[in-house]
Amino acid sequence: MTDPAPHEHHHGYISAKDDYLKRLRRIEGQARGLQRMVDDEQYCIDILTQVSAMTKALQAVSVALLEDHLRHCVTDAVAQGGPAAEEKIREASDAIARLVRS
């Protein structure tokens, strides 16, 4: 893969896109499984256990995306300096705050 032209931007996760898609598809399957569990009127604690597993999987994707964002987008913006750097840092801080609250 060649470096993008100055007007192009590739997101930090692009090198792991297939991995992210695989993980998200697995989470999608977990959500469908939860729907089946409720439809089948399974035991509450069993459903809650699966909700917890799905939540952890989503959090893992979120943390990985944030790490990629910091490593790629924020690092690039800071290297260039200026208002774009401050904006990327603010975005990352806001994203971290949302993750901590969830």
PDB file of N, CA and C in Angstrom:
ATOM      1  N   MET A   1       0.852  -1.176   0.000  1.00  0.00           N
ATOM      2  CA  MET A   1       0.000   0.000   0.000  1.00  0.00           C
ATOM      3  C   MET A   1       0.892   1.232   0.000  1.00  0.00           C
ATOM      4  N   THR A   2       0.639   2.147  -0.867  1.00  0.00           N
ATOM      5  CA  THR A   2       1.422   3.368  -0.939  1.00  0.00           C
ATOM      6  C   THR A   2       0.835   4.408  -0.008  1.00  0.00           C
ATOM      7  N   ASP A   3       1.639   5.411   0.321  1.00  0.00           N
ATOM      8  CA  ASP A   3       1.146   6.486   1.168  1.00  0.00           C
ATOM      9  C   ASP A   3       0.061   7.243   0.430  1.00  0.00           C
ATOM     10  N   PRO A   4      -0.963   7.687   1.181  1.00  0.00           N
ATOM     11  CA  PRO A   4      -2.034   8.428   0.520  1.00  0.00           C
ATOM     12  C   PRO A   4      -1.548   9.780   0.038  1.00  0.00           C
ATOM     13  N   ALA A   5      -2.176  10.275  -1.027  1.00  0.00           N
ATOM     14  CA  ALA A   5      -1.877  11.617  -1.507  1.00  0.00           C
ATOM     15  C   ALA A   5      -2.257  12.607  -0.418  1.00  0.00           C
ATOM     16  N   PRO A   6      -1.696  13.827  -0.436  1.00  0.00           N
ATOM     17  CA  PRO A   6      -1.975  14.792   0.623  1.00  0.00           C
ATOM     18  C   PRO A   6      -3.456  15.046   0.865  1.00  0.00           C
ATOM     19  N   HIS A   7      -4.300  14.947  -0.168  1.00  0.00           N
ATOM     20  CA  HIS A   7      -5.719  15.225   0.000  1.00  0.00           C
ATOM     21  C   HIS A   7      -6.505  13.997   0.467  1.00  0.00           C
ATOM     22  N   GLU A   8      -5.866  12.824   0.490  1.00  0.00           N
ATOM     23  CA  GLU A   8      -6.525  11.602   0.921  1.00  0.00           C
ATOM     24  C   GLU A   8      -6.211  11.341   2.394  1.00  0.00           C
ATOM     25  N   HIS A   9      -7.128  10.643   3.060  1.00  0.00           N
ATOM     26  CA  HIS A   9      -6.884  10.266   4.438  1.00  0.00           C
ATOM     27  C   HIS A   9      -7.373   8.842   4.642  1.00  0.00           C
ATOM     28  N   HIS A  10      -6.520   8.007   5.194  1.00  0.00           N
ATOM     29  CA  HIS A  10      -6.910   6.645   5.533  1.00  0.00           C
ATOM     30  C   HIS A  10      -7.035   6.560   7.038  1.00  0.00           C
ATOM     31  N   HIS A  11      -8.123   5.978   7.486  1.00  0.00           N
ATOM     32  CA  HIS A  11      -8.347   5.836   8.914  1.00  0.00           C
ATOM     33  C   HIS A  11      -7.364   4.838   9.502  1.00  0.00           C
ATOM     34  N   GLY A  12      -7.062   5.017  10.783  1.00  0.00           N
ATOM     35  CA  GLY A  12      -6.083   4.168  11.454  1.00  0.00           C
ATOM     36  C   GLY A  12      -6.454   2.696  11.480  1.00  0.00           C
ATOM     37  N   TYR A  13      -7.731   2.386  11.461  1.00  0.00           N
ATOM     38  CA  TYR A  13      -8.165   0.994  11.554  1.00  0.00           C
ATOM     39  C   TYR A  13      -8.087   0.252  10.222  1.00  0.00           C
ATOM     40  N   ILE A  14      -7.800   0.951   9.141  1.00  0.00           N
ATOM     41  CA  ILE A  14      -7.907   0.362   7.798  1.00  0.00           C
ATOM     42  C   ILE A  14      -7.034  -0.883   7.637  1.00  0.00           C
ATOM     43  N   SER A  15      -5.883  -0.933   8.306  1.00  0.00           N
ATOM     44  CA  SER A  15      -5.013  -2.101   8.170  1.00  0.00           C
ATOM     45  C   SER A  15      -5.603  -3.325   8.866  1.00  0.00           C
ATOM     46  N   ALA A  16      -6.543  -3.111   9.790  1.00  0.00           N
ATOM     47  CA  ALA A  16      -7.181  -4.219  10.501  1.00  0.00           C
ATOM     48  C   ALA A  16      -8.675  -4.298  10.176  1.00  0.00           C
ATOM     49  N   LYS A  17      -9.072  -3.721   9.052  1.00  0.00           N
ATOM     50  CA  LYS A  17     -10.489  -3.656   8.689  1.00  0.00           C
ATOM     51  C   LYS A  17     -11.155  -5.020   8.710  1.00  0.00           C
ATOM     52  N   ASP A  18     -10.516  -6.029   8.120  1.00  0.00           N
ATOM     53  CA  ASP A  18     -11.112  -7.367   8.069  1.00  0.00           C
ATOM     54  C   ASP A  18     -11.317  -7.934   9.476  1.00  0.00           C
ATOM     55  N   ASP A  19     -10.358  -7.694  10.359  1.00  0.00           N
ATOM     56  CA  ASP A  19     -10.482  -8.150  11.743  1.00  0.00           C
ATOM     57  C   ASP A  19     -11.656  -7.463  12.431  1.00  0.00           C
ATOM     58  N   TYR A  20     -11.775  -6.151  12.240  1.00  0.00           N
ATOM     59  CA  TYR A  20     -12.897  -5.419  12.840  1.00  0.00           C
ATOM     60  C   TYR A  20     -14.228  -5.939  12.315  1.00  0.00           C
ATOM     61  N   LEU A  21     -14.310  -6.161  11.011  1.00  0.00           N
ATOM     62  CA  LEU A  21     -15.557  -6.669  10.428  1.00  0.00           C
ATOM     63  C   LEU A  21     -15.897  -8.048  10.984  1.00  0.00           C
ATOM     64  N   LYS A  22     -14.889  -8.898  11.134  1.00  0.00           N
ATOM     65  CA  LYS A  22     -15.110 -10.232  11.685  1.00  0.00           C
ATOM     66  C   LYS A  22     -15.634 -10.131  13.121  1.00  0.00           C
ATOM     67  N   ARG A  23     -15.020  -9.269  13.915  1.00  0.00           N
ATOM     68  CA  ARG A  23     -15.450  -9.097  15.301  1.00  0.00           C
ATOM     69  C   ARG A  23     -16.870  -8.530  15.373  1.00  0.00           C
ATOM     70  N   LEU A  24     -17.184  -7.564  14.513  1.00  0.00           N
ATOM     71  CA  LEU A  24     -18.520  -6.970  14.517  1.00  0.00           C
ATOM     72  C   LEU A  24     -19.579  -7.968  14.046  1.00  0.00           C
ATOM     73  N   ARG A  25     -19.219  -8.813  13.102  1.00  0.00           N
ATOM     74  CA  ARG A  25     -20.169  -9.850  12.656  1.00  0.00           C
ATOM     75  C   ARG A  25     -20.435 -10.854  13.777  1.00  0.00           C
ATOM     76  N   ARG A  26     -19.391 -11.159  14.550  1.00  0.00           N
ATOM     77  CA  ARG A  26     -19.560 -12.060  15.689  1.00  0.00           C
ATOM     78  C   ARG A  26     -20.496 -11.419  16.719  1.00  0.00           C
ATOM     79  N   ILE A  27     -20.329 -10.124  16.958  1.00  0.00           N
ATOM     80  CA  ILE A  27     -21.200  -9.400  17.881  1.00  0.00           C
ATOM     81  C   ILE A  27     -22.634  -9.378  17.355  1.00  0.00           C
ATOM     82  N   GLU A  28     -22.777  -9.194  16.048  1.00  0.00           N
ATOM     83  CA  GLU A  28     -24.103  -9.224  15.433  1.00  0.00           C
ATOM     84  C   GLU A  28     -24.769 -10.581  15.680  1.00  0.00           C
ATOM     85  N   GLY A  29     -23.987 -11.642  15.571  1.00  0.00           N
ATOM     86  CA  GLY A  29     -24.507 -12.980  15.850  1.00  0.00           C
ATOM     87  C   GLY A  29     -24.916 -13.127  17.312  1.00  0.00           C
ATOM     88  N   GLN A  30     -24.126 -12.515  18.204  1.00  0.00           N
ATOM     89  CA  GLN A  30     -24.487 -12.546  19.623  1.00  0.00           C
ATOM     90  C   GLN A  30     -25.823 -11.837  19.847  1.00  0.00           C
ATOM     91  N   ALA A  31     -26.040 -10.722  19.162  1.00  0.00           N
ATOM     92  CA  ALA A  31     -27.297  -9.980  19.314  1.00  0.00           C
ATOM     93  C   ALA A  31     -28.478 -10.829  18.829  1.00  0.00           C
ATOM     94  N   ARG A  32     -28.296 -11.520  17.720  1.00  0.00           N
ATOM     95  CA  ARG A  32     -29.357 -12.400  17.232  1.00  0.00           C
ATOM     96  C   ARG A  32     -29.613 -13.539  18.217  1.00  0.00           C
ATOM     97  N   GLY A  33     -28.532 -14.048  18.807  1.00  0.00           N
ATOM     98  CA  GLY A  33     -28.664 -15.100  19.815  1.00  0.00           C
ATOM     99  C   GLY A  33     -29.445 -14.617  21.029  1.00  0.00           C
ATOM    100  N   LEU A  34     -29.197 -13.386  21.430  1.00  0.00           N
ATOM    101  CA  LEU A  34     -29.944 -12.811  22.554  1.00  0.00           C
ATOM    102  C   LEU A  34     -31.435 -12.708  22.225  1.00  0.00           C
ATOM    103  N   GLN A  35     -31.729 -12.307  21.005  1.00  0.00           N
ATOM    104  CA  GLN A  35     -33.134 -12.227  20.592  1.00  0.00           C
ATOM    105  C   GLN A  35     -33.788 -13.602  20.666  1.00  0.00           C
ATOM    106  N   ARG A  36     -33.082 -14.633  20.211  1.00  0.00           N
ATOM    107  CA  ARG A  36     -33.619 -15.996  20.263  1.00  0.00           C
ATOM    108  C   ARG A  36     -33.832 -16.430  21.711  1.00  0.00           C
ATOM    109  N   MET A  37     -32.879 -16.083  22.577  1.00  0.00           N
ATOM    110  CA  MET A  37     -33.001 -16.458  23.985  1.00  0.00           C
ATOM    111  C   MET A  37     -34.255 -15.846  24.607  1.00  0.00           C
ATOM    112  N   VAL A  38     -34.510 -14.580  24.310  1.00  0.00           N
ATOM    113  CA  VAL A  38     -35.707 -13.924  24.840  1.00  0.00           C
ATOM    114  C   VAL A  38     -36.949 -14.558  24.218  1.00  0.00           C
ATOM    115  N   ASP A  39     -36.922 -14.770  22.919  1.00  0.00           N
ATOM    116  CA  ASP A  39     -38.059 -15.375  22.237  1.00  0.00           C
ATOM    117  C   ASP A  39     -38.354 -16.758  22.807  1.00  0.00           C
ATOM    118  N   ASP A  40     -37.306 -17.501  23.152  1.00  0.00           N
ATOM    119  CA  ASP A  40     -37.460 -18.847  23.719  1.00  0.00           C
ATOM    120  C   ASP A  40     -37.712 -18.815  25.226  1.00  0.00           C
ATOM    121  N   GLU A  41     -37.793 -17.604  25.775  1.00  0.00           N
ATOM    122  CA  GLU A  41     -38.074 -17.405  27.204  1.00  0.00           C
ATOM    123  C   GLU A  41     -37.070 -18.131  28.096  1.00  0.00           C
ATOM    124  N   GLN A  42     -35.787 -17.983  27.758  1.00  0.00           N
ATOM    125  CA  GLN A  42     -34.744 -18.617  28.558  1.00  0.00           C
ATOM    126  C   GLN A  42     -34.552 -17.876  29.875  1.00  0.00           C
ATOM    127  N   TYR A  43     -33.827 -18.494  30.766  1.00  0.00           N
ATOM    128  CA  TYR A  43     -33.594 -17.994  32.119  1.00  0.00           C
ATOM    129  C   TYR A  43     -32.884 -16.639  32.098  1.00  0.00           C
ATOM    130  N   CYS A  44     -33.378 -15.714  32.916  1.00  0.00           N
ATOM    131  CA  CYS A  44     -32.875 -14.331  32.947  1.00  0.00           C
ATOM    132  C   CYS A  44     -31.358 -14.259  33.111  1.00  0.00           C
ATOM    133  N   ILE A  45     -30.824 -15.018  34.039  1.00  0.00           N
ATOM    134  CA  ILE A  45     -29.385 -14.953  34.324  1.00  0.00           C
ATOM    135  C   ILE A  45     -28.581 -15.416  33.118  1.00  0.00           C
ATOM    136  N   ASP A  46     -29.067 -16.406  32.396  1.00  0.00           N
ATOM    137  CA  ASP A  46     -28.375 -16.860  31.182  1.00  0.00           C
ATOM    138  C   ASP A  46     -28.356 -15.751  30.125  1.00  0.00           C
ATOM    139  N   ILE A  47     -29.467 -15.040  30.004  1.00  0.00           N
ATOM    140  CA  ILE A  47     -29.529 -13.922  29.052  1.00  0.00           C
ATOM    141  C   ILE A  47     -28.576 -12.824  29.485  1.00  0.00           C
ATOM    142  N   LEU A  48     -28.594 -12.486  30.779  1.00  0.00           N
ATOM    143  CA  LEU A  48     -27.695 -11.442  31.283  1.00  0.00           C
ATOM    144  C   LEU A  48     -26.227 -11.805  31.085  1.00  0.00           C
ATOM    145  N   THR A  49     -25.900 -13.075  31.214  1.00  0.00           N
ATOM    146  CA  THR A  49     -24.526 -13.533  30.979  1.00  0.00           C
ATOM    147  C   THR A  49     -24.119 -13.262  29.536  1.00  0.00           C
ATOM    148  N   GLN A  50     -25.029 -13.527  28.605  1.00  0.00           N
ATOM    149  CA  GLN A  50     -24.739 -13.283  27.195  1.00  0.00           C
ATOM    150  C   GLN A  50     -24.685 -11.784  26.879  1.00  0.00           C
ATOM    151  N   VAL A  51     -25.536 -10.997  27.546  1.00  0.00           N
ATOM    152  CA  VAL A  51     -25.475  -9.538  27.377  1.00  0.00           C
ATOM    153  C   VAL A  51     -24.103  -9.032  27.836  1.00  0.00           C
ATOM    154  N   SER A  52     -23.632  -9.548  28.951  1.00  0.00           N
ATOM    155  CA  SER A  52     -22.318  -9.149  29.462  1.00  0.00           C
ATOM    156  C   SER A  52     -21.207  -9.501  28.470  1.00  0.00           C
ATOM    157  N   ALA A  53     -21.278 -10.683  27.892  1.00  0.00           N
ATOM    158  CA  ALA A  53     -20.269 -11.099  26.908  1.00  0.00           C
ATOM    159  C   ALA A  53     -20.296 -10.189  25.686  1.00  0.00           C
ATOM    160  N   MET A  54     -21.494  -9.835  25.235  1.00  0.00           N
ATOM    161  CA  MET A  54     -21.618  -8.953  24.076  1.00  0.00           C
ATOM    162  C   MET A  54     -21.099  -7.560  24.402  1.00  0.00           C
ATOM    163  N   THR A  55     -21.407  -7.074  25.591  1.00  0.00           N
ATOM    164  CA  THR A  55     -20.929  -5.760  26.023  1.00  0.00           C
ATOM    165  C   THR A  55     -19.403  -5.725  26.058  1.00  0.00           C
ATOM    166  N   LYS A  56     -18.791  -6.770  26.591  1.00  0.00           N
ATOM    167  CA  LYS A  56     -17.323  -6.845  26.637  1.00  0.00           C
ATOM    168  C   LYS A  56     -16.731  -6.867  25.229  1.00  0.00           C
ATOM    169  N   ALA A  57     -17.385  -7.578  24.326  1.00  0.00           N
ATOM    170  CA  ALA A  57     -16.896  -7.635  22.944  1.00  0.00           C
ATOM    171  C   ALA A  57     -16.972  -6.257  22.287  1.00  0.00           C
ATOM    172  N   LEU A  58     -18.062  -5.533  22.514  1.00  0.00           N
ATOM    173  CA  LEU A  58     -18.192  -4.173  21.966  1.00  0.00           C
ATOM    174  C   LEU A  58     -17.153  -3.233  22.578  1.00  0.00           C
ATOM    175  N   GLN A  59     -16.922  -3.378  23.877  1.00  0.00           N
ATOM    176  CA  GLN A  59     -15.915  -2.540  24.530  1.00  0.00           C
ATOM    177  C   GLN A  59     -14.528  -2.825  23.969  1.00  0.00           C
ATOM    178  N   ALA A  60     -14.237  -4.085  23.695  1.00  0.00           N
ATOM    179  CA  ALA A  60     -12.934  -4.433  23.125  1.00  0.00           C
ATOM    180  C   ALA A  60     -12.753  -3.800  21.747  1.00  0.00           C
ATOM    181  N   VAL A  61     -13.806  -3.803  20.929  1.00  0.00           N
ATOM    182  CA  VAL A  61     -13.738  -3.155  19.621  1.00  0.00           C
ATOM    183  C   VAL A  61     -13.534  -1.653  19.801  1.00  0.00           C
ATOM    184  N   SER A  62     -14.251  -1.060  20.737  1.00  0.00           N
ATOM    185  CA  SER A  62     -14.131   0.382  20.986  1.00  0.00           C
ATOM    186  C   SER A  62     -12.715   0.761  21.402  1.00  0.00           C
ATOM    187  N   VAL A  63     -12.150   0.005  22.310  1.00  0.00           N
ATOM    188  CA  VAL A  63     -10.790   0.303  22.784  1.00  0.00           C
ATOM    189  C   VAL A  63      -9.781   0.142  21.648  1.00  0.00           C
ATOM    190  N   ALA A  64      -9.937  -0.895  20.839  1.00  0.00           N
ATOM    191  CA  ALA A  64      -9.023  -1.103  19.715  1.00  0.00           C
ATOM    192  C   ALA A  64      -9.135   0.031  18.697  1.00  0.00           C
ATOM    193  N   LEU A  65     -10.356   0.454  18.395  1.00  0.00           N
ATOM    194  CA  LEU A  65     -10.544   1.582  17.468  1.00  0.00           C
ATOM    195  C   LEU A  65      -9.932   2.859  18.025  1.00  0.00           C
ATOM    196  N   LEU A  66     -10.120   3.077  19.311  1.00  0.00           N
ATOM    197  CA  LEU A  66      -9.543   4.265  19.942  1.00  0.00           C
ATOM    198  C   LEU A  66      -8.021   4.215  19.874  1.00  0.00           C
ATOM    199  N   GLU A  67      -7.462   3.061  20.152  1.00  0.00           N
ATOM    200  CA  GLU A  67      -6.005   2.909  20.080  1.00  0.00           C
ATOM    201  C   GLU A  67      -5.495   3.189  18.665  1.00  0.00           C
ATOM    202  N   ASP A  68      -6.181   2.648  17.664  1.00  0.00           N
ATOM    203  CA  ASP A  68      -5.800   2.917  16.270  1.00  0.00           C
ATOM    204  C   ASP A  68      -5.917   4.407  15.956  1.00  0.00           C
ATOM    205  N   HIS A  69      -6.976   5.036  16.457  1.00  0.00           N
ATOM    206  CA  HIS A  69      -7.174   6.474  16.227  1.00  0.00           C
ATOM    207  C   HIS A  69      -6.033   7.279  16.841  1.00  0.00           C
ATOM    208  N   LEU A  70      -5.670   6.942  18.066  1.00  0.00           N
ATOM    209  CA  LEU A  70      -4.569   7.658  18.729  1.00  0.00           C
ATOM    210  C   LEU A  70      -3.257   7.439  17.984  1.00  0.00           C
ATOM    211  N   ARG A  71      -3.008   6.199  17.619  1.00  0.00           N
ATOM    212  CA  ARG A  71      -1.740   5.856  16.975  1.00  0.00           C
ATOM    213  C   ARG A  71      -1.607   6.476  15.588  1.00  0.00           C
ATOM    214  N   HIS A  72      -2.714   6.631  14.890  1.00  0.00           N
ATOM    215  CA  HIS A  72      -2.645   7.086  13.505  1.00  0.00           C
ATOM    216  C   HIS A  72      -3.117   8.534  13.359  1.00  0.00           C
ATOM    217  N   CYS A  73      -4.390   8.763  13.565  1.00  0.00           N
ATOM    218  CA  CYS A  73      -4.986  10.077  13.290  1.00  0.00           C
ATOM    219  C   CYS A  73      -4.460  11.169  14.215  1.00  0.00           C
ATOM    220  N   VAL A  74      -4.433  10.876  15.508  1.00  0.00           N
ATOM    221  CA  VAL A  74      -3.980  11.895  16.467  1.00  0.00           C
ATOM    222  C   VAL A  74      -2.491  12.152  16.304  1.00  0.00           C
ATOM    223  N   THR A  75      -1.711  11.098  16.159  1.00  0.00           N
ATOM    224  CA  THR A  75      -0.267  11.256  15.983  1.00  0.00           C
ATOM    225  C   THR A  75       0.054  12.084  14.747  1.00  0.00           C
ATOM    226  N   ASP A  76      -0.632  11.791  13.639  1.00  0.00           N
ATOM    227  CA  ASP A  76      -0.413  12.558  12.409  1.00  0.00           C
ATOM    228  C   ASP A  76      -0.781  14.026  12.596  1.00  0.00           C
ATOM    229  N   ALA A  77      -1.918  14.278  13.251  1.00  0.00           N
ATOM    230  CA  ALA A  77      -2.370  15.658  13.459  1.00  0.00           C
ATOM    231  C   ALA A  77      -1.412  16.417  14.369  1.00  0.00           C
ATOM    232  N   VAL A  78      -0.931  15.772  15.414  1.00  0.00           N
ATOM    233  CA  VAL A  78      -0.002  16.429  16.335  1.00  0.00           C
ATOM    234  C   VAL A  78       1.309  16.750  15.618  1.00  0.00           C
ATOM    235  N   ALA A  79       1.755  15.837  14.759  1.00  0.00           N
ATOM    236  CA  ALA A  79       2.986  16.083  14.002  1.00  0.00           C
ATOM    237  C   ALA A  79       2.838  17.305  13.096  1.00  0.00           C
ATOM    238  N   GLN A  80       1.625  17.528  12.566  1.00  0.00           N
ATOM    239  CA  GLN A  80       1.383  18.680  11.700  1.00  0.00           C
ATOM    240  C   GLN A  80       1.147  19.947  12.513  1.00  0.00           C
ATOM    241  N   GLY A  81       0.658  19.780  13.736  1.00  0.00           N
ATOM    242  CA  GLY A  81       0.421  20.922  14.614  1.00  0.00           C
ATOM    243  C   GLY A  81      -0.797  21.733  14.220  1.00  0.00           C
ATOM    244  N   GLY A  82      -0.987  22.832  14.912  1.00  0.00           N
ATOM    245  CA  GLY A  82      -2.073  23.748  14.598  1.00  0.00           C
ATOM    246  C   GLY A  82      -3.410  23.330  15.164  1.00  0.00           C
ATOM    247  N   PRO A  83      -4.476  23.988  14.695  1.00  0.00           N
ATOM    248  CA  PRO A  83      -5.823  23.722  15.212  1.00  0.00           C
ATOM    249  C   PRO A  83      -6.293  22.288  14.982  1.00  0.00           C
ATOM    250  N   ALA A  84      -5.860  21.660  13.895  1.00  0.00           N
ATOM    251  CA  ALA A  84      -6.267  20.281  13.619  1.00  0.00           C
ATOM    252  C   ALA A  84      -5.781  19.348  14.727  1.00  0.00           C
ATOM    253  N   ALA A  85      -4.599  19.607  15.239  1.00  0.00           N
ATOM    254  CA  ALA A  85      -4.059  18.783  16.324  1.00  0.00           C
ATOM    255  C   ALA A  85      -4.909  18.917  17.572  1.00  0.00           C
ATOM    256  N   GLU A  86      -5.248  20.133  17.917  1.00  0.00           N
ATOM    257  CA  GLU A  86      -6.091  20.367  19.095  1.00  0.00           C
ATOM    258  C   GLU A  86      -7.454  19.698  18.930  1.00  0.00           C
ATOM    259  N   GLU A  87      -8.007  19.751  17.734  1.00  0.00           N
ATOM    260  CA  GLU A  87      -9.302  19.138  17.462  1.00  0.00           C
ATOM    261  C   GLU A  87      -9.233  17.618  17.624  1.00  0.00           C
ATOM    262  N   LYS A  88      -8.189  16.996  17.086  1.00  0.00           N
ATOM    263  CA  LYS A  88      -8.041  15.539  17.191  1.00  0.00           C
ATOM    264  C   LYS A  88      -7.862  15.119  18.650  1.00  0.00           C
ATOM    265  N   ILE A  89      -7.120  15.889  19.417  1.00  0.00           N
ATOM    266  CA  ILE A  89      -6.930  15.576  20.834  1.00  0.00           C
ATOM    267  C   ILE A  89      -8.266  15.698  21.573  1.00  0.00           C
ATOM    268  N   ARG A  90      -9.029  16.741  21.263  1.00  0.00           N
ATOM    269  CA  ARG A  90     -10.341  16.926  21.897  1.00  0.00           C
ATOM    270  C   ARG A  90     -11.271  15.777  21.539  1.00  0.00           C
ATOM    271  N   GLU A  91     -11.281  15.382  20.266  1.00  0.00           N
ATOM    272  CA  GLU A  91     -12.119  14.261  19.835  1.00  0.00           C
ATOM    273  C   GLU A  91     -11.760  12.981  20.600  1.00  0.00           C
ATOM    274  N   ALA A  92     -10.461  12.725  20.716  1.00  0.00           N
ATOM    275  CA  ALA A  92     -10.017  11.522  21.422  1.00  0.00           C
ATOM    276  C   ALA A  92     -10.406  11.591  22.895  1.00  0.00           C
ATOM    277  N   SER A  93     -10.246  12.743  23.512  1.00  0.00           N
ATOM    278  CA  SER A  93     -10.628  12.903  24.920  1.00  0.00           C
ATOM    279  C   SER A  93     -12.123  12.686  25.101  1.00  0.00           C
ATOM    280  N   ASP A  94     -12.921  13.228  24.196  1.00  0.00           N
ATOM    281  CA  ASP A  94     -14.375  13.044  24.257  1.00  0.00           C
ATOM    282  C   ASP A  94     -14.745  11.562  24.096  1.00  0.00           C
ATOM    283  N   ALA A  95     -14.061  10.885  23.178  1.00  0.00           N
ATOM    284  CA  ALA A  95     -14.335   9.460  22.959  1.00  0.00           C
ATOM    285  C   ALA A  95     -13.976   8.645  24.203  1.00  0.00           C
ATOM    286  N   ILE A  96     -12.863   8.974  24.821  1.00  0.00           N
ATOM    287  CA  ILE A  96     -12.448   8.277  26.055  1.00  0.00           C
ATOM    288  C   ILE A  96     -13.499   8.515  27.141  1.00  0.00           C
ATOM    289  N   ALA A  97     -13.975   9.737  27.277  1.00  0.00           N
ATOM    290  CA  ALA A  97     -14.988  10.062  28.284  1.00  0.00           C
ATOM    291  C   ALA A  97     -16.260   9.247  28.029  1.00  0.00           C
ATOM    292  N   ARG A  98     -16.659   9.121  26.772  1.00  0.00           N
ATOM    293  CA  ARG A  98     -17.869   8.335  26.456  1.00  0.00           C
ATOM    294  C   ARG A  98     -17.661   6.857  26.825  1.00  0.00           C
ATOM    295  N   LEU A  99     -16.474   6.325  26.537  1.00  0.00           N
ATOM    296  CA  LEU A  99     -16.196   4.935  26.860  1.00  0.00           C
ATOM    297  C   LEU A  99     -16.192   4.696  28.372  1.00  0.00           C
ATOM    298  N   VAL A 100     -15.662   5.637  29.108  1.00  0.00           N
ATOM    299  CA  VAL A 100     -15.599   5.493  30.560  1.00  0.00           C
ATOM    300  C   VAL A 100     -17.003   5.535  31.156  1.00  0.00           C
ATOM    301  N   ARG A 101     -17.858   6.347  30.599  1.00  0.00           N
ATOM    302  CA  ARG A 101     -19.230   6.468  31.104  1.00  0.00           C
ATOM    303  C   ARG A 101     -20.098   5.263  30.737  1.00  0.00           C
ATOM    304  N   SER A 102     -19.729   4.553  29.668  1.00  0.00           N
ATOM    305  CA  SER A 102     -20.591   3.439  29.213  1.00  0.00           C
ATOM    306  C   SER A 102     -20.389   2.181  30.023  1.00  0.00           C
TER     307      SER A 102
END
